[in-house]
Amino acid sequence: MPAALYKAMGGFATNGINMTKLESYQIGGNFNAKQFFVDIEGHPEDPMMQLALEELAFFSTEFRIIGIDPAKNDRTLQV
């Protein structure tokens, strides 16, 4: 599918969800089969996140939430 990754990840951008990491892997050496690991900021119960995940599900054959880590309260740079 042309622009498959763009379409699958687009729901995060259109719903204001910040993606902090995207890793891609080939499955079994096949250039057509890809697997992605994504770190995003948000909780699956957040309504905007739910919309983004619905869009991801529409353009994916499968996705799994592997874990949820609480965000740190202070994200300022300490020098």
PDB file of N, CA and C in Angstrom:
ATOM      1  N   MET A   1       0.853  -1.177   0.000  1.00  0.00           N
ATOM      2  CA  MET A   1       0.000   0.000   0.000  1.00  0.00           C
ATOM      3  C   MET A   1       0.897   1.237   0.000  1.00  0.00           C
ATOM      4  N   PRO A   2       0.740   2.106  -0.961  1.00  0.00           N
ATOM      5  CA  PRO A   2       1.524   3.345  -0.980  1.00  0.00           C
ATOM      6  C   PRO A   2       1.235   4.193   0.268  1.00  0.00           C
ATOM      7  N   ALA A   3       2.276   4.740   0.836  1.00  0.00           N
ATOM      8  CA  ALA A   3       2.190   5.624   2.009  1.00  0.00           C
ATOM      9  C   ALA A   3       1.591   4.926   3.228  1.00  0.00           C
ATOM     10  N   ALA A   4       1.804   3.622   3.358  1.00  0.00           N
ATOM     11  CA  ALA A   4       1.209   2.856   4.461  1.00  0.00           C
ATOM     12  C   ALA A   4       1.665   3.362   5.828  1.00  0.00           C
ATOM     13  N   LEU A   5       2.953   3.620   5.981  1.00  0.00           N
ATOM     14  CA  LEU A   5       3.452   4.097   7.274  1.00  0.00           C
ATOM     15  C   LEU A   5       2.878   5.472   7.593  1.00  0.00           C
ATOM     16  N   TYR A   6       2.847   6.345   6.611  1.00  0.00           N
ATOM     17  CA  TYR A   6       2.282   7.685   6.792  1.00  0.00           C
ATOM     18  C   TYR A   6       0.823   7.592   7.237  1.00  0.00           C
ATOM     19  N   LYS A   7       0.057   6.728   6.597  1.00  0.00           N
ATOM     20  CA  LYS A   7      -1.357   6.581   6.942  1.00  0.00           C
ATOM     21  C   LYS A   7      -1.530   5.989   8.336  1.00  0.00           C
ATOM     22  N   ALA A   8      -0.723   4.986   8.667  1.00  0.00           N
ATOM     23  CA  ALA A   8      -0.843   4.336   9.974  1.00  0.00           C
ATOM     24  C   ALA A   8      -0.472   5.281  11.114  1.00  0.00           C
ATOM     25  N   MET A   9       0.549   6.102  10.914  1.00  0.00           N
ATOM     26  CA  MET A   9       1.021   7.005  11.965  1.00  0.00           C
ATOM     27  C   MET A   9       0.297   8.349  11.953  1.00  0.00           C
ATOM     28  N   GLY A  10      -0.411   8.645  10.880  1.00  0.00           N
ATOM     29  CA  GLY A  10      -1.068   9.943  10.734  1.00  0.00           C
ATOM     30  C   GLY A  10      -2.059  10.267  11.831  1.00  0.00           C
ATOM     31  N   GLY A  11      -2.698   9.257  12.394  1.00  0.00           N
ATOM     32  CA  GLY A  11      -3.679   9.492  13.450  1.00  0.00           C
ATOM     33  C   GLY A  11      -3.083  10.119  14.695  1.00  0.00           C
ATOM     34  N   PHE A  12      -1.810   9.838  14.943  1.00  0.00           N
ATOM     35  CA  PHE A  12      -1.162  10.453  16.100  1.00  0.00           C
ATOM     36  C   PHE A  12      -0.991  11.955  15.867  1.00  0.00           C
ATOM     37  N   ALA A  13      -0.559  12.335  14.685  1.00  0.00           N
ATOM     38  CA  ALA A  13      -0.362  13.756  14.375  1.00  0.00           C
ATOM     39  C   ALA A  13      -1.686  14.511  14.376  1.00  0.00           C
ATOM     40  N   THR A  14      -2.700  13.959  13.719  1.00  0.00           N
ATOM     41  CA  THR A  14      -3.972  14.675  13.610  1.00  0.00           C
ATOM     42  C   THR A  14      -4.710  14.773  14.943  1.00  0.00           C
ATOM     43  N   ASN A  15      -4.345  13.937  15.901  1.00  0.00           N
ATOM     44  CA  ASN A  15      -4.987  13.985  17.215  1.00  0.00           C
ATOM     45  C   ASN A  15      -4.087  14.582  18.288  1.00  0.00           C
ATOM     46  N   GLY A  16      -2.970  15.195  17.872  1.00  0.00           N
ATOM     47  CA  GLY A  16      -2.098  15.908  18.798  1.00  0.00           C
ATOM     48  C   GLY A  16      -1.310  15.012  19.736  1.00  0.00           C
ATOM     49  N   ILE A  17      -0.997  13.794  19.299  1.00  0.00           N
ATOM     50  CA  ILE A  17      -0.241  12.848  20.119  1.00  0.00           C
ATOM     51  C   ILE A  17       1.228  12.911  19.710  1.00  0.00           C
ATOM     52  N   ASN A  18       2.114  13.127  20.667  1.00  0.00           N
ATOM     53  CA  ASN A  18       3.542  13.241  20.392  1.00  0.00           C
ATOM     54  C   ASN A  18       4.183  11.860  20.303  1.00  0.00           C
ATOM     55  N   MET A  19       4.863  11.600  19.185  1.00  0.00           N
ATOM     56  CA  MET A  19       5.607  10.360  18.996  1.00  0.00           C
ATOM     57  C   MET A  19       7.073  10.664  19.285  1.00  0.00           C
ATOM     58  N   THR A  20       7.670   9.943  20.234  1.00  0.00           N
ATOM     59  CA  THR A  20       9.049  10.225  20.629  1.00  0.00           C
ATOM     60  C   THR A  20      10.057   9.251  20.037  1.00  0.00           C
ATOM     61  N   LYS A  21       9.603   8.102  19.555  1.00  0.00           N
ATOM     62  CA  LYS A  21      10.526   7.126  18.962  1.00  0.00           C
ATOM     63  C   LYS A  21       9.775   6.245  17.969  1.00  0.00           C
ATOM     64  N   LEU A  22      10.450   5.925  16.849  1.00  0.00           N
ATOM     65  CA  LEU A  22       9.916   4.996  15.853  1.00  0.00           C
ATOM     66  C   LEU A  22      11.061   4.113  15.385  1.00  0.00           C
ATOM     67  N   GLU A  23      10.945   2.814  15.602  1.00  0.00           N
ATOM     68  CA  GLU A  23      11.953   1.843  15.161  1.00  0.00           C
ATOM     69  C   GLU A  23      11.292   0.886  14.181  1.00  0.00           C
ATOM     70  N   SER A  24      11.987   0.569  13.087  1.00  0.00           N
ATOM     71  CA  SER A  24      11.439  -0.368  12.104  1.00  0.00           C
ATOM     72  C   SER A  24      12.318  -1.605  12.007  1.00  0.00           C
ATOM     73  N   TYR A  25      11.671  -2.737  11.753  1.00  0.00           N
ATOM     74  CA  TYR A  25      12.353  -4.024  11.640  1.00  0.00           C
ATOM     75  C   TYR A  25      11.755  -4.803  10.480  1.00  0.00           C
ATOM     76  N   GLN A  26      12.600  -5.531   9.751  1.00  0.00           N
ATOM     77  CA  GLN A  26      12.122  -6.446   8.722  1.00  0.00           C
ATOM     78  C   GLN A  26      11.800  -7.777   9.386  1.00  0.00           C
ATOM     79  N   ILE A  27      10.741  -8.395   8.942  1.00  0.00           N
ATOM     80  CA  ILE A  27      10.333  -9.680   9.495  1.00  0.00           C
ATOM     81  C   ILE A  27      10.842 -10.789   8.582  1.00  0.00           C
ATOM     82  N   GLY A  28      11.688 -11.644   9.108  1.00  0.00           N
ATOM     83  CA  GLY A  28      12.174 -12.797   8.368  1.00  0.00           C
ATOM     84  C   GLY A  28      12.936 -12.479   7.096  1.00  0.00           C
ATOM     85  N   GLY A  29      13.555 -11.318   7.008  1.00  0.00           N
ATOM     86  CA  GLY A  29      14.317 -10.954   5.820  1.00  0.00           C
ATOM     87  C   GLY A  29      13.463 -10.581   4.627  1.00  0.00           C
ATOM     88  N   ASN A  30      12.161 -10.523   4.800  1.00  0.00           N
ATOM     89  CA  ASN A  30      11.242 -10.167   3.723  1.00  0.00           C
ATOM     90  C   ASN A  30      11.129  -8.647   3.652  1.00  0.00           C
ATOM     91  N   PHE A  31      11.434  -8.077   2.493  1.00  0.00           N
ATOM     92  CA  PHE A  31      11.408  -6.621   2.352  1.00  0.00           C
ATOM     93  C   PHE A  31       9.993  -6.053   2.393  1.00  0.00           C
ATOM     94  N   ASN A  32       8.976  -6.869   2.213  1.00  0.00           N
ATOM     95  CA  ASN A  32       7.596  -6.390   2.228  1.00  0.00           C
ATOM     96  C   ASN A  32       6.985  -6.396   3.624  1.00  0.00           C
ATOM     97  N   ALA A  33       7.507  -7.223   4.516  1.00  0.00           N
ATOM     98  CA  ALA A  33       6.935  -7.336   5.857  1.00  0.00           C
ATOM     99  C   ALA A  33       7.751  -6.498   6.832  1.00  0.00           C
ATOM    100  N   LYS A  34       7.092  -5.569   7.478  1.00  0.00           N
ATOM    101  CA  LYS A  34       7.753  -4.675   8.431  1.00  0.00           C
ATOM    102  C   LYS A  34       7.061  -4.759   9.781  1.00  0.00           C
ATOM    103  N   GLN A  35       7.836  -4.488  10.801  1.00  0.00           N
ATOM    104  CA  GLN A  35       7.327  -4.396  12.156  1.00  0.00           C
ATOM    105  C   GLN A  35       7.882  -3.107  12.747  1.00  0.00           C
ATOM    106  N   PHE A  36       7.057  -2.388  13.491  1.00  0.00           N
ATOM    107  CA  PHE A  36       7.465  -1.111  14.050  1.00  0.00           C
ATOM    108  C   PHE A  36       7.224  -1.094  15.554  1.00  0.00           C
ATOM    109  N   PHE A  37       8.138  -0.453  16.260  1.00  0.00           N
ATOM    110  CA  PHE A  37       7.970  -0.163  17.675  1.00  0.00           C
ATOM    111  C   PHE A  37       7.918   1.351  17.803  1.00  0.00           C
ATOM    112  N   VAL A  38       6.911   1.836  18.529  1.00  0.00           N
ATOM    113  CA  VAL A  38       6.678   3.273  18.639  1.00  0.00           C
ATOM    114  C   VAL A  38       6.539   3.650  20.107  1.00  0.00           C
ATOM    115  N   ASP A  39       7.211   4.720  20.515  1.00  0.00           N
ATOM    116  CA  ASP A  39       6.995   5.321  21.831  1.00  0.00           C
ATOM    117  C   ASP A  39       6.176   6.583  21.613  1.00  0.00           C
ATOM    118  N   ILE A  40       5.084   6.687  22.343  1.00  0.00           N
ATOM    119  CA  ILE A  40       4.217   7.860  22.219  1.00  0.00           C
ATOM    120  C   ILE A  40       3.887   8.378  23.613  1.00  0.00           C
ATOM    121  N   GLU A  41       3.544   9.658  23.678  1.00  0.00           N
ATOM    122  CA  GLU A  41       3.173  10.281  24.945  1.00  0.00           C
ATOM    123  C   GLU A  41       1.659  10.317  25.042  1.00  0.00           C
ATOM    124  N   GLY A  42       1.120   9.638  26.027  1.00  0.00           N
ATOM    125  CA  GLY A  42      -0.322   9.609  26.214  1.00  0.00           C
ATOM    126  C   GLY A  42      -0.750   8.307  26.857  1.00  0.00           C
ATOM    127  N   HIS A  43      -2.015   8.230  27.208  1.00  0.00           N
ATOM    128  CA  HIS A  43      -2.567   7.035  27.839  1.00  0.00           C
ATOM    129  C   HIS A  43      -3.669   6.472  26.943  1.00  0.00           C
ATOM    130  N   PRO A  44      -3.774   5.148  26.830  1.00  0.00           N
ATOM    131  CA  PRO A  44      -4.787   4.552  25.953  1.00  0.00           C
ATOM    132  C   PRO A  44      -6.223   4.935  26.293  1.00  0.00           C
ATOM    133  N   GLU A  45      -6.483   5.370  27.514  1.00  0.00           N
ATOM    134  CA  GLU A  45      -7.838   5.766  27.896  1.00  0.00           C
ATOM    135  C   GLU A  45      -8.164   7.210  27.524  1.00  0.00           C
ATOM    136  N   ASP A  46      -7.173   7.991  27.114  1.00  0.00           N
ATOM    137  CA  ASP A  46      -7.393   9.370  26.687  1.00  0.00           C
ATOM    138  C   ASP A  46      -8.195   9.355  25.383  1.00  0.00           C
ATOM    139  N   PRO A  47      -9.253  10.164  25.278  1.00  0.00           N
ATOM    140  CA  PRO A  47     -10.086  10.146  24.066  1.00  0.00           C
ATOM    141  C   PRO A  47      -9.316  10.415  22.768  1.00  0.00           C
ATOM    142  N   MET A  48      -8.364  11.342  22.793  1.00  0.00           N
ATOM    143  CA  MET A  48      -7.595  11.624  21.575  1.00  0.00           C
ATOM    144  C   MET A  48      -6.689  10.442  21.222  1.00  0.00           C
ATOM    145  N   MET A  49      -6.143   9.791  22.234  1.00  0.00           N
ATOM    146  CA  MET A  49      -5.321   8.606  22.001  1.00  0.00           C
ATOM    147  C   MET A  49      -6.174   7.477  21.431  1.00  0.00           C
ATOM    148  N   GLN A  50      -7.391   7.333  21.924  1.00  0.00           N
ATOM    149  CA  GLN A  50      -8.280   6.298  21.406  1.00  0.00           C
ATOM    150  C   GLN A  50      -8.561   6.509  19.924  1.00  0.00           C
ATOM    151  N   LEU A  51      -8.758   7.762  19.518  1.00  0.00           N
ATOM    152  CA  LEU A  51      -8.962   8.049  18.093  1.00  0.00           C
ATOM    153  C   LEU A  51      -7.725   7.691  17.278  1.00  0.00           C
ATOM    154  N   ALA A  52      -6.556   8.036  17.798  1.00  0.00           N
ATOM    155  CA  ALA A  52      -5.305   7.720  17.097  1.00  0.00           C
ATOM    156  C   ALA A  52      -5.117   6.212  16.975  1.00  0.00           C
ATOM    157  N   LEU A  53      -5.427   5.476  18.031  1.00  0.00           N
ATOM    158  CA  LEU A  53      -5.280   4.021  18.000  1.00  0.00           C
ATOM    159  C   LEU A  53      -6.299   3.369  17.068  1.00  0.00           C
ATOM    160  N   GLU A  54      -7.497   3.950  16.972  1.00  0.00           N
ATOM    161  CA  GLU A  54      -8.492   3.447  16.018  1.00  0.00           C
ATOM    162  C   GLU A  54      -7.988   3.605  14.590  1.00  0.00           C
ATOM    163  N   GLU A  55      -7.370   4.741  14.303  1.00  0.00           N
ATOM    164  CA  GLU A  55      -6.826   4.963  12.965  1.00  0.00           C
ATOM    165  C   GLU A  55      -5.661   4.012  12.693  1.00  0.00           C
ATOM    166  N   LEU A  56      -4.816   3.804  13.685  1.00  0.00           N
ATOM    167  CA  LEU A  56      -3.716   2.853  13.539  1.00  0.00           C
ATOM    168  C   LEU A  56      -4.257   1.452  13.253  1.00  0.00           C
ATOM    169  N   ALA A  57      -5.288   1.040  13.973  1.00  0.00           N
ATOM    170  CA  ALA A  57      -5.884  -0.285  13.772  1.00  0.00           C
ATOM    171  C   ALA A  57      -6.461  -0.423  12.364  1.00  0.00           C
ATOM    172  N   PHE A  58      -7.036   0.648  11.833  1.00  0.00           N
ATOM    173  CA  PHE A  58      -7.622   0.609  10.493  1.00  0.00           C
ATOM    174  C   PHE A  58      -6.565   0.333   9.429  1.00  0.00           C
ATOM    175  N   PHE A  59      -5.377   0.915   9.584  1.00  0.00           N
ATOM    176  CA  PHE A  59      -4.321   0.787   8.576  1.00  0.00           C
ATOM    177  C   PHE A  59      -3.293  -0.299   8.913  1.00  0.00           C
ATOM    178  N   SER A  60      -3.528  -1.081   9.958  1.00  0.00           N
ATOM    179  CA  SER A  60      -2.576  -2.111  10.380  1.00  0.00           C
ATOM    180  C   SER A  60      -3.230  -3.487  10.346  1.00  0.00           C
ATOM    181  N   THR A  61      -2.410  -4.506  10.179  1.00  0.00           N
ATOM    182  CA  THR A  61      -2.932  -5.865  10.305  1.00  0.00           C
ATOM    183  C   THR A  61      -2.991  -6.281  11.769  1.00  0.00           C
ATOM    184  N   GLU A  62      -2.145  -5.670  12.598  1.00  0.00           N
ATOM    185  CA  GLU A  62      -2.112  -5.989  14.026  1.00  0.00           C
ATOM    186  C   GLU A  62      -1.342  -4.900  14.761  1.00  0.00           C
ATOM    187  N   PHE A  63      -1.761  -4.584  15.985  1.00  0.00           N
ATOM    188  CA  PHE A  63      -0.930  -3.756  16.861  1.00  0.00           C
ATOM    189  C   PHE A  63      -1.175  -4.171  18.299  1.00  0.00           C
ATOM    190  N   ARG A  64      -0.159  -3.983  19.114  1.00  0.00           N
ATOM    191  CA  ARG A  64      -0.220  -4.342  20.530  1.00  0.00           C
ATOM    192  C   ARG A  64       0.363  -3.218  21.368  1.00  0.00           C
ATOM    193  N   ILE A  65      -0.241  -2.973  22.501  1.00  0.00           N
ATOM    194  CA  ILE A  65       0.339  -2.066  23.486  1.00  0.00           C
ATOM    195  C   ILE A  65       1.179  -2.936  24.409  1.00  0.00           C
ATOM    196  N   ILE A  66       2.477  -2.723  24.382  1.00  0.00           N
ATOM    197  CA  ILE A  66       3.397  -3.568  25.138  1.00  0.00           C
ATOM    198  C   ILE A  66       3.499  -3.123  26.593  1.00  0.00           C
ATOM    199  N   GLY A  67       3.409  -1.832  26.835  1.00  0.00           N
ATOM    200  CA  GLY A  67       3.504  -1.353  28.205  1.00  0.00           C
ATOM    201  C   GLY A  67       3.144   0.111  28.304  1.00  0.00           C
ATOM    202  N   ILE A  68       2.874   0.533  29.516  1.00  0.00           N
ATOM    203  CA  ILE A  68       2.552   1.930  29.801  1.00  0.00           C
ATOM    204  C   ILE A  68       3.440   2.368  30.958  1.00  0.00           C
ATOM    205  N   ASP A  69       4.232   3.395  30.727  1.00  0.00           N
ATOM    206  CA  ASP A  69       5.118   3.929  31.760  1.00  0.00           C
ATOM    207  C   ASP A  69       4.637   5.314  32.157  1.00  0.00           C
ATOM    208  N   PRO A  70       4.549   5.595  33.456  1.00  0.00           N
ATOM    209  CA  PRO A  70       4.137   6.934  33.877  1.00  0.00           C
ATOM    210  C   PRO A  70       5.175   7.977  33.475  1.00  0.00           C
ATOM    211  N   ALA A  71       4.692   9.141  33.084  1.00  0.00           N
ATOM    212  CA  ALA A  71       5.584  10.240  32.702  1.00  0.00           C
ATOM    213  C   ALA A  71       6.170  10.870  33.955  1.00  0.00           C
ATOM    214  N   LYS A  72       7.365  11.393  33.812  1.00  0.00           N
ATOM    215  CA  LYS A  72       7.979  12.131  34.913  1.00  0.00           C
ATOM    216  C   LYS A  72       7.322  13.499  34.986  1.00  0.00           C
ATOM    217  N   ASN A  73       7.134  14.011  36.192  1.00  0.00           N
ATOM    218  CA  ASN A  73       6.485  15.305  36.366  1.00  0.00           C
ATOM    219  C   ASN A  73       7.342  16.452  35.861  1.00  0.00           C
ATOM    220  N   ASP A  74       8.649  16.400  36.106  1.00  0.00           N
ATOM    221  CA  ASP A  74       9.540  17.497  35.742  1.00  0.00           C
ATOM    222  C   ASP A  74      10.346  17.110  34.509  1.00  0.00           C
ATOM    223  N   ARG A  75      10.037  17.724  33.376  1.00  0.00           N
ATOM    224  CA  ARG A  75      10.743  17.414  32.135  1.00  0.00           C
ATOM    225  C   ARG A  75      11.703  18.523  31.732  1.00  0.00           C
ATOM    226  N   THR A  76      12.060  19.386  32.668  1.00  0.00           N
ATOM    227  CA  THR A  76      12.986  20.466  32.344  1.00  0.00           C
ATOM    228  C   THR A  76      14.416  19.955  32.397  1.00  0.00           C
ATOM    229  N   LEU A  77      15.271  20.562  31.616  1.00  0.00           N
ATOM    230  CA  LEU A  77      16.678  20.179  31.555  1.00  0.00           C
ATOM    231  C   LEU A  77      17.415  20.763  32.748  1.00  0.00           C
ATOM    232  N   GLN A  78      18.089  19.903  33.497  1.00  0.00           N
ATOM    233  CA  GLN A  78      18.893  20.338  34.632  1.00  0.00           C
ATOM    234  C   GLN A  78      20.328  20.510  34.163  1.00  0.00           C
ATOM    235  N   VAL A  79      20.898  21.703  34.351  1.00  0.00           N
ATOM    236  CA  VAL A  79      22.273  21.965  33.921  1.00  0.00           C
ATOM    237  C   VAL A  79      23.169  22.153  35.114  1.00  0.00           C
TER     238      VAL A  79
END
